[in-house]
PDB file of N, CA and C in Angstrom:
ATOM      1  N   MET A   1     196.289 110.009 206.421  1.00  0.00           N
ATOM      2  CA  MET A   1     197.861 109.087 206.129  1.00  0.00           C
ATOM      3  C   MET A   1     197.429 108.132 206.414  1.00  0.00           C
ATOM      4  N   ALA A   2     198.083 107.205 204.838  1.00  0.00           N
ATOM      5  CA  ALA A   2     197.629 106.217 204.349  1.00  0.00           C
ATOM      6  C   ALA A   2     198.425 104.933 204.982  1.00  0.00           C
ATOM      7  N   THR A   3     197.417 104.040 204.839  1.00  0.00           N
ATOM      8  CA  THR A   3     198.183 102.634 205.735  1.00  0.00           C
ATOM      9  C   THR A   3     199.092 102.045 204.456  1.00  0.00           C
ATOM     10  N   VAL A   4     200.477 101.703 204.600  1.00  0.00           N
ATOM     11  CA  VAL A   4     200.955 101.420 203.789  1.00  0.00           C
ATOM     12  C   VAL A   4     201.512  99.242 204.293  1.00  0.00           C
ATOM     13  N   MET A   5     201.486  98.388 203.025  1.00  0.00           N
ATOM     14  CA  MET A   5     201.378  97.363 203.055  1.00  0.00           C
ATOM     15  C   MET A   5     203.056  97.220 202.651  1.00  0.00           C
ATOM     16  N   TRP A   6     203.718  96.244 202.952  1.00  0.00           N
ATOM     17  CA  TRP A   6     205.472  96.244 202.610  1.00  0.00           C
ATOM     18  C   TRP A   6     205.796  94.336 202.328  1.00  0.00           C
ATOM     19  N   GLU A   7     205.942  94.179 201.568  1.00  0.00           N
ATOM     20  CA  GLU A   7     206.167  92.921 201.495  1.00  0.00           C
ATOM     21  C   GLU A   7     207.617  92.353 200.990  1.00  0.00           C
ATOM     22  N   ILE A   8     207.873  90.948 201.443  1.00  0.00           N
ATOM     23  CA  ILE A   8     209.331  91.140 200.908  1.00  0.00           C
ATOM     24  C   ILE A   8     209.504  89.380 200.625  1.00  0.00           C
ATOM     25  N   ARG A   9     210.918  88.855 199.976  1.00  0.00           N
ATOM     26  CA  ARG A   9     210.580  87.611 200.497  1.00  0.00           C
ATOM     27  C   ARG A   9     212.418  86.968 200.637  1.00  0.00           C
ATOM     28  N   ALA A  10     212.461  86.474 201.441  1.00  0.00           N
ATOM     29  CA  ALA A  10     213.938  85.979 202.077  1.00  0.00           C
ATOM     30  C   ALA A  10     214.272  84.834 201.388  1.00  0.00           C
ATOM     31  N   ARG A  11     215.647  85.127 201.350  1.00  0.00           N
ATOM     32  CA  ARG A  11     216.376  83.797 200.694  1.00  0.00           C
ATOM     33  C   ARG A  11     216.187  82.583 201.873  1.00  0.00           C
ATOM     34  N   ALA A  12     216.503  81.464 200.974  1.00  0.00           N
ATOM     35  CA  ALA A  12     216.050  80.343 201.299  1.00  0.00           C
ATOM     36  C   ALA A  12     217.036  80.247 203.041  1.00  0.00           C
ATOM     37  N   GLY A  13     216.361  79.626 204.030  1.00  0.00           N
ATOM     38  CA  GLY A  13     216.593  79.445 205.371  1.00  0.00           C
ATOM     39  C   GLY A  13     217.300  81.408 205.918  1.00  0.00           C
ATOM     40  N   ARG A  14     217.087  82.295 205.581  1.00  0.00           N
ATOM     41  CA  ARG A  14     217.532  83.647 206.183  1.00  0.00           C
ATOM     42  C   ARG A  14     215.968  84.382 206.721  1.00  0.00           C
ATOM     43  N   LEU A  15     214.613  83.855 206.575  1.00  0.00           N
ATOM     44  CA  LEU A  15     213.540  84.430 207.316  1.00  0.00           C
ATOM     45  C   LEU A  15     213.440  84.644 208.343  1.00  0.00           C
ATOM     46  N   ASP A  16     214.487  84.321 209.422  1.00  0.00           N
ATOM     47  CA  ASP A  16     214.293  84.669 210.885  1.00  0.00           C
ATOM     48  C   ASP A  16     215.237  85.539 210.704  1.00  0.00           C
ATOM     49  N   GLU A  17     216.333  86.235 210.404  1.00  0.00           N
ATOM     50  CA  GLU A  17     217.138  86.838 210.528  1.00  0.00           C
ATOM     51  C   GLU A  17     216.415  87.778 209.796  1.00  0.00           C
ATOM     52  N   LEU A  18     215.854  87.996 208.371  1.00  0.00           N
ATOM     53  CA  LEU A  18     215.380  89.260 208.118  1.00  0.00           C
ATOM     54  C   LEU A  18     213.957  89.604 209.375  1.00  0.00           C
ATOM     55  N   LEU A  19     213.686  88.395 209.662  1.00  0.00           N
ATOM     56  CA  LEU A  19     212.608  88.772 210.695  1.00  0.00           C
ATOM     57  C   LEU A  19     213.423  89.788 211.747  1.00  0.00           C
ATOM     58  N   ASP A  20     214.297  89.414 212.442  1.00  0.00           N
ATOM     59  CA  ASP A  20     214.094  90.346 213.261  1.00  0.00           C
ATOM     60  C   ASP A  20     215.118  91.770 212.905  1.00  0.00           C
ATOM     61  N   TRP A  21     215.936  91.596 211.683  1.00  0.00           N
ATOM     62  CA  TRP A  21     215.908  92.909 210.835  1.00  0.00           C
ATOM     63  C   TRP A  21     214.454  93.922 210.900  1.00  0.00           C
ATOM     64  N   VAL A  22     213.904  93.423 210.982  1.00  0.00           N
ATOM     65  CA  VAL A  22     212.632  94.081 210.236  1.00  0.00           C
ATOM     66  C   VAL A  22     212.064  94.872 211.837  1.00  0.00           C
ATOM     67  N   LEU A  23     211.704  93.873 212.494  1.00  0.00           N
ATOM     68  CA  LEU A  23     211.064  94.173 214.143  1.00  0.00           C
ATOM     69  C   LEU A  23     212.088  95.327 214.609  1.00  0.00           C
ATOM     70  N   GLY A  24     213.695  95.565 214.254  1.00  0.00           N
ATOM     71  CA  GLY A  24     214.182  96.191 214.959  1.00  0.00           C
ATOM     72  C   GLY A  24     214.307  97.647 214.356  1.00  0.00           C
ATOM     73  N   ARG A  25     213.250  97.837 212.941  1.00  0.00           N
ATOM     74  CA  ARG A  25     213.268  98.995 212.224  1.00  0.00           C
ATOM     75  C   ARG A  25     212.040  99.882 212.357  1.00  0.00           C
ATOM     76  N   VAL A  26     210.820  98.645 212.397  1.00  0.00           N
ATOM     77  CA  VAL A  26     209.553  99.072 211.682  1.00  0.00           C
ATOM     78  C   VAL A  26     208.859  99.797 213.073  1.00  0.00           C
ATOM     79  N   ASP A  27     208.142 100.703 213.132  1.00  0.00           N
ATOM     80  CA  ASP A  27     207.328 101.208 214.107  1.00  0.00           C
ATOM     81  C   ASP A  27     206.345 100.060 214.953  1.00  0.00           C
ATOM     82  N   PRO A  28     206.609 100.085 216.064  1.00  0.00           N
ATOM     83  CA  PRO A  28     206.222  98.929 217.043  1.00  0.00           C
ATOM     84  C   PRO A  28     204.563  99.174 216.730  1.00  0.00           C
ATOM     85  N   SER A  29     204.093  99.846 216.241  1.00  0.00           N
ATOM     86  CA  SER A  29     201.981  99.281 215.968  1.00  0.00           C
ATOM     87  C   SER A  29     202.183  98.867 214.808  1.00  0.00           C
ATOM     88  N   ALA A  30     203.149  98.567 214.009  1.00  0.00           N
ATOM     89  CA  ALA A  30     202.865  97.743 212.781  1.00  0.00           C
ATOM     90  C   ALA A  30     202.959  96.204 212.839  1.00  0.00           C
ATOM     91  N   ARG A  31     201.887  95.991 212.005  1.00  0.00           N
ATOM     92  CA  ARG A  31     201.523  94.029 211.989  1.00  0.00           C
ATOM     93  C   ARG A  31     202.765  93.684 211.264  1.00  0.00           C
ATOM     94  N   VAL A  32     203.244  92.815 211.686  1.00  0.00           N
ATOM     95  CA  VAL A  32     203.862  91.925 211.046  1.00  0.00           C
ATOM     96  C   VAL A  32     204.422  90.300 211.284  1.00  0.00           C
ATOM     97  N   TYR A  33     203.848  89.762 209.640  1.00  0.00           N
ATOM     98  CA  TYR A  33     203.302  88.641 209.337  1.00  0.00           C
ATOM     99  C   TYR A  33     204.611  87.712 208.580  1.00  0.00           C
ATOM    100  N   ARG A  34     204.681  86.424 209.014  1.00  0.00           N
ATOM    101  CA  ARG A  34     205.249  85.969 208.279  1.00  0.00           C
ATOM    102  C   ARG A  34     204.675  84.442 207.750  1.00  0.00           C
ATOM    103  N   SER A  35     205.604  83.669 206.549  1.00  0.00           N
ATOM    104  CA  SER A  35     204.092  83.181 205.778  1.00  0.00           C
ATOM    105  C   SER A  35     204.853  81.374 206.803  1.00  0.00           C
ATOM    106  N   ASN A  36     203.886  80.780 206.992  1.00  0.00           N
ATOM    107  CA  ASN A  36     204.203  79.784 207.334  1.00  0.00           C
ATOM    108  C   ASN A  36     204.071  78.358 206.510  1.00  0.00           C
ATOM    109  N   SER A  37     204.210  78.235 205.220  1.00  0.00           N
ATOM    110  CA  SER A  37     204.142  78.128 204.842  1.00  0.00           C
ATOM    111  C   SER A  37     204.744  78.046 202.898  1.00  0.00           C
ATOM    112  N   GLY A  38     205.373  77.470 201.779  1.00  0.00           N
ATOM    113  CA  GLY A  38     205.892  77.611 200.679  1.00  0.00           C
ATOM    114  C   GLY A  38     206.903  78.862 200.991  1.00  0.00           C
ATOM    115  N   GLU A  39     207.182  80.368 200.193  1.00  0.00           N
ATOM    116  CA  GLU A  39     208.483  80.570 199.906  1.00  0.00           C
ATOM    117  C   GLU A  39     208.172  81.401 201.124  1.00  0.00           C
ATOM    118  N   PRO A  40     209.262  81.954 201.498  1.00  0.00           N
ATOM    119  CA  PRO A  40     209.565  82.523 202.919  1.00  0.00           C
ATOM    120  C   PRO A  40     209.678  83.983 202.950  1.00  0.00           C
ATOM    121  N   ARG A  41     208.640  84.084 202.860  1.00  0.00           N
ATOM    122  CA  ARG A  41     207.951  85.984 203.069  1.00  0.00           C
ATOM    123  C   ARG A  41     207.319  86.559 204.327  1.00  0.00           C
ATOM    124  N   MET A  42     207.462  87.906 203.806  1.00  0.00           N
ATOM    125  CA  MET A  42     207.038  88.707 205.105  1.00  0.00           C
ATOM    126  C   MET A  42     206.030  89.674 204.545  1.00  0.00           C
ATOM    127  N   VAL A  43     204.937  90.190 205.397  1.00  0.00           N
ATOM    128  CA  VAL A  43     204.332  91.242 205.195  1.00  0.00           C
ATOM    129  C   VAL A  43     203.899  92.045 206.431  1.00  0.00           C
ATOM    130  N   VAL A  44     204.337  93.476 206.274  1.00  0.00           N
ATOM    131  CA  VAL A  44     204.061  94.420 207.186  1.00  0.00           C
ATOM    132  C   VAL A  44     202.920  95.151 207.314  1.00  0.00           C
ATOM    133  N   ILE A  45     201.838  95.425 207.737  1.00  0.00           N
ATOM    134  CA  ILE A  45     201.075  96.606 207.628  1.00  0.00           C
ATOM    135  C   ILE A  45     201.119  97.550 208.422  1.00  0.00           C
ATOM    136  N   ASP A  46     201.297  98.747 207.774  1.00  0.00           N
ATOM    137  CA  ASP A  46     201.811  99.850 208.965  1.00  0.00           C
ATOM    138  C   ASP A  46     200.562 100.998 208.454  1.00  0.00           C
ATOM    139  N   GLY A  47     200.124 101.233 210.182  1.00  0.00           N
ATOM    140  CA  GLY A  47     199.089 102.309 209.551  1.00  0.00           C
ATOM    141  C   GLY A  47     199.541 103.724 209.968  1.00  0.00           C
ATOM    142  N   THR A  48     200.896 103.892 210.178  1.00  0.00           N
ATOM    143  CA  THR A  48     201.574 105.091 209.832  1.00  0.00           C
ATOM    144  C   THR A  48     202.337 105.779 208.840  1.00  0.00           C
ATOM    145  N   GLY A  49     201.996 104.431 207.577  1.00  0.00           N
ATOM    146  CA  GLY A  49     202.781 104.911 206.391  1.00  0.00           C
ATOM    147  C   GLY A  49     204.135 105.281 206.442  1.00  0.00           C
ATOM    148  N   GLN A  50     204.749 104.549 207.340  1.00  0.00           N
ATOM    149  CA  GLN A  50     206.143 104.904 207.821  1.00  0.00           C
ATOM    150  C   GLN A  50     206.707 104.033 207.094  1.00  0.00           C
ATOM    151  N   ALA A  51     206.314 102.406 207.059  1.00  0.00           N
ATOM    152  CA  ALA A  51     207.228 100.964 206.750  1.00  0.00           C
ATOM    153  C   ALA A  51     208.018 101.442 205.740  1.00  0.00           C
ATOM    154  N   ALA A  52     207.534 101.981 204.287  1.00  0.00           N
ATOM    155  CA  ALA A  52     208.267 101.477 203.310  1.00  0.00           C
ATOM    156  C   ALA A  52     209.623 102.507 203.726  1.00  0.00           C
ATOM    157  N   ARG A  53     209.768 103.533 204.086  1.00  0.00           N
ATOM    158  CA  ARG A  53     210.995 104.541 204.992  1.00  0.00           C
ATOM    159  C   ARG A  53     211.407 103.445 205.865  1.00  0.00           C
ATOM    160  N   GLN A  54     211.083 103.156 206.739  1.00  0.00           N
ATOM    161  CA  GLN A  54     211.989 102.600 207.817  1.00  0.00           C
ATOM    162  C   GLN A  54     212.501 100.811 207.197  1.00  0.00           C
ATOM    163  N   LEU A  55     212.030 100.658 206.216  1.00  0.00           N
ATOM    164  CA  LEU A  55     212.563  99.227 205.859  1.00  0.00           C
ATOM    165  C   LEU A  55     213.042  99.244 204.558  1.00  0.00           C
ATOM    166  N   ALA A  56     213.702 100.851 204.200  1.00  0.00           N
ATOM    167  CA  ALA A  56     213.823 100.988 202.816  1.00  0.00           C
ATOM    168  C   ALA A  56     215.079  99.906 202.071  1.00  0.00           C
ATOM    169  N   ASP A  57     215.745  99.705 202.834  1.00  0.00           N
ATOM    170  CA  ASP A  57     217.149  99.112 202.307  1.00  0.00           C
ATOM    171  C   ASP A  57     217.203  97.881 203.042  1.00  0.00           C
ATOM    172  N   PRO A  58     216.754  96.492 202.780  1.00  0.00           N
ATOM    173  CA  PRO A  58     216.626  95.432 203.689  1.00  0.00           C
ATOM    174  C   PRO A  58     218.614  94.961 203.099  1.00  0.00           C
ATOM    175  N   PRO A  59     219.383  93.992 203.950  1.00  0.00           N
ATOM    176  CA  PRO A  59     220.190  93.834 203.551  1.00  0.00           C
ATOM    177  C   PRO A  59     220.033  92.350 202.328  1.00  0.00           C
ATOM    178  N   VAL A  60     220.732  92.966 201.394  1.00  0.00           N
ATOM    179  CA  VAL A  60     220.955  92.333 200.164  1.00  0.00           C
ATOM    180  C   VAL A  60     221.382  90.824 200.210  1.00  0.00           C
ATOM    181  N   GLU A  61     222.042  90.278 201.400  1.00  0.00           N
ATOM    182  CA  GLU A  61     221.895  89.055 201.480  1.00  0.00           C
ATOM    183  C   GLU A  61     221.298  87.947 202.235  1.00  0.00           C
ATOM    184  N   LEU A  62     220.231  88.865 202.532  1.00  0.00           N
ATOM    185  CA  LEU A  62     218.954  88.042 203.479  1.00  0.00           C
ATOM    186  C   LEU A  62     217.743  88.081 202.063  1.00  0.00           C
ATOM    187  N   ILE A  63     217.682  88.487 201.268  1.00  0.00           N
ATOM    188  CA  ILE A  63     216.149  88.683 200.279  1.00  0.00           C
ATOM    189  C   ILE A  63     216.733  87.880 199.342  1.00  0.00           C
ATOM    190  N   ALA A  64     215.755  87.576 198.833  1.00  0.00           N
ATOM    191  CA  ALA A  64     215.894  87.020 197.352  1.00  0.00           C
ATOM    192  C   ALA A  64     215.365  87.554 196.377  1.00  0.00           C
ATOM    193  N   ARG A  65     214.225  89.156 196.265  1.00  0.00           N
ATOM    194  CA  ARG A  65     214.124  90.109 195.246  1.00  0.00           C
ATOM    195  C   ARG A  65     213.828  90.886 196.336  1.00  0.00           C
ATOM    196  N   PRO A  66     214.013  92.212 195.757  1.00  0.00           N
ATOM    197  CA  PRO A  66     213.874  93.570 196.221  1.00  0.00           C
ATOM    198  C   PRO A  66     212.163  93.733 196.992  1.00  0.00           C
ATOM    199  N   PRO A  67     211.712  94.553 198.433  1.00  0.00           N
ATOM    200  CA  PRO A  67     210.173  94.507 198.492  1.00  0.00           C
ATOM    201  C   PRO A  67     209.726  95.042 197.512  1.00  0.00           C
ATOM    202  N   HIS A  68     208.437  95.001 198.307  1.00  0.00           N
ATOM    203  CA  HIS A  68     207.410  95.949 197.472  1.00  0.00           C
ATOM    204  C   HIS A  68     206.596  96.342 198.609  1.00  0.00           C
ATOM    205  N   SER A  69     205.986  97.509 197.813  1.00  0.00           N
ATOM    206  CA  SER A  69     205.540  98.236 199.418  1.00  0.00           C
ATOM    207  C   SER A  69     204.261  99.290 197.717  1.00  0.00           C
ATOM    208  N   TRP A  70     202.655  99.152 199.008  1.00  0.00           N
ATOM    209  CA  TRP A  70     201.883  99.653 198.519  1.00  0.00           C
ATOM    210  C   TRP A  70     201.192 100.670 199.202  1.00  0.00           C
ATOM    211  N   GLU A  71     200.574 101.458 198.993  1.00  0.00           N
ATOM    212  CA  GLU A  71     199.625 102.305 199.723  1.00  0.00           C
ATOM    213  C   GLU A  71     198.038 102.325 199.736  1.00  0.00           C
ATOM    214  N   PHE A  72     197.297 101.617 201.266  1.00  0.00           N
ATOM    215  CA  PHE A  72     195.984 101.911 200.631  1.00  0.00           C
ATOM    216  C   PHE A  72     195.182 102.710 201.702  1.00  0.00           C
ATOM    217  N   SER A  73     194.461 102.896 201.434  1.00  0.00           N
ATOM    218  CA  SER A  73     193.290 103.965 202.216  1.00  0.00           C
ATOM    219  C   SER A  73     192.045 102.773 202.361  1.00  0.00           C
ATOM    220  N   PRO A  74     191.461 103.372 203.700  1.00  0.00           N
ATOM    221  CA  PRO A  74     190.112 102.460 203.986  1.00  0.00           C
ATOM    222  C   PRO A  74     188.920 102.941 203.400  1.00  0.00           C
ATOM    223  N   VAL A  75     187.977 101.985 203.290  1.00  0.00           N
ATOM    224  CA  VAL A  75     186.899 102.012 202.738  1.00  0.00           C
ATOM    225  C   VAL A  75     186.120 101.648 203.471  1.00  0.00           C
ATOM    226  N   ARG A  76     184.587 102.012 203.056  1.00  0.00           N
ATOM    227  CA  ARG A  76     183.778 101.483 203.984  1.00  0.00           C
ATOM    228  C   ARG A  76     183.297 100.435 203.128  1.00  0.00           C
ATOM    229  N   ASN A  77     182.723  98.884 204.090  1.00  0.00           N
ATOM    230  CA  ASN A  77     182.137  98.335 204.175  1.00  0.00           C
ATOM    231  C   ASN A  77     180.665  98.094 204.502  1.00  0.00           C
ATOM    232  N   GLY A  78     179.965  97.612 203.176  1.00  0.00           N
ATOM    233  CA  GLY A  78     178.390  97.576 203.691  1.00  0.00           C
ATOM    234  C   GLY A  78     177.928  99.150 203.296  1.00  0.00           C
TER     235      GLY A  78
END
């Protein structure tokens, strides 16, 4: 199973609401990150591969643009 990275930009002033929405849907093992500066963004890294499905339709009033997601496979370093 591939790891999924899901990224989204929130509307100004709506990042906390979007974060609550994401945390209520994503698998508890997923890692969720929010931006500390610049544009209000959030990234989810999910080893179960389910994030894109679980987060498929974010509330349009909370987002500045549609989310993007990518699948990744592990690579051996060194």
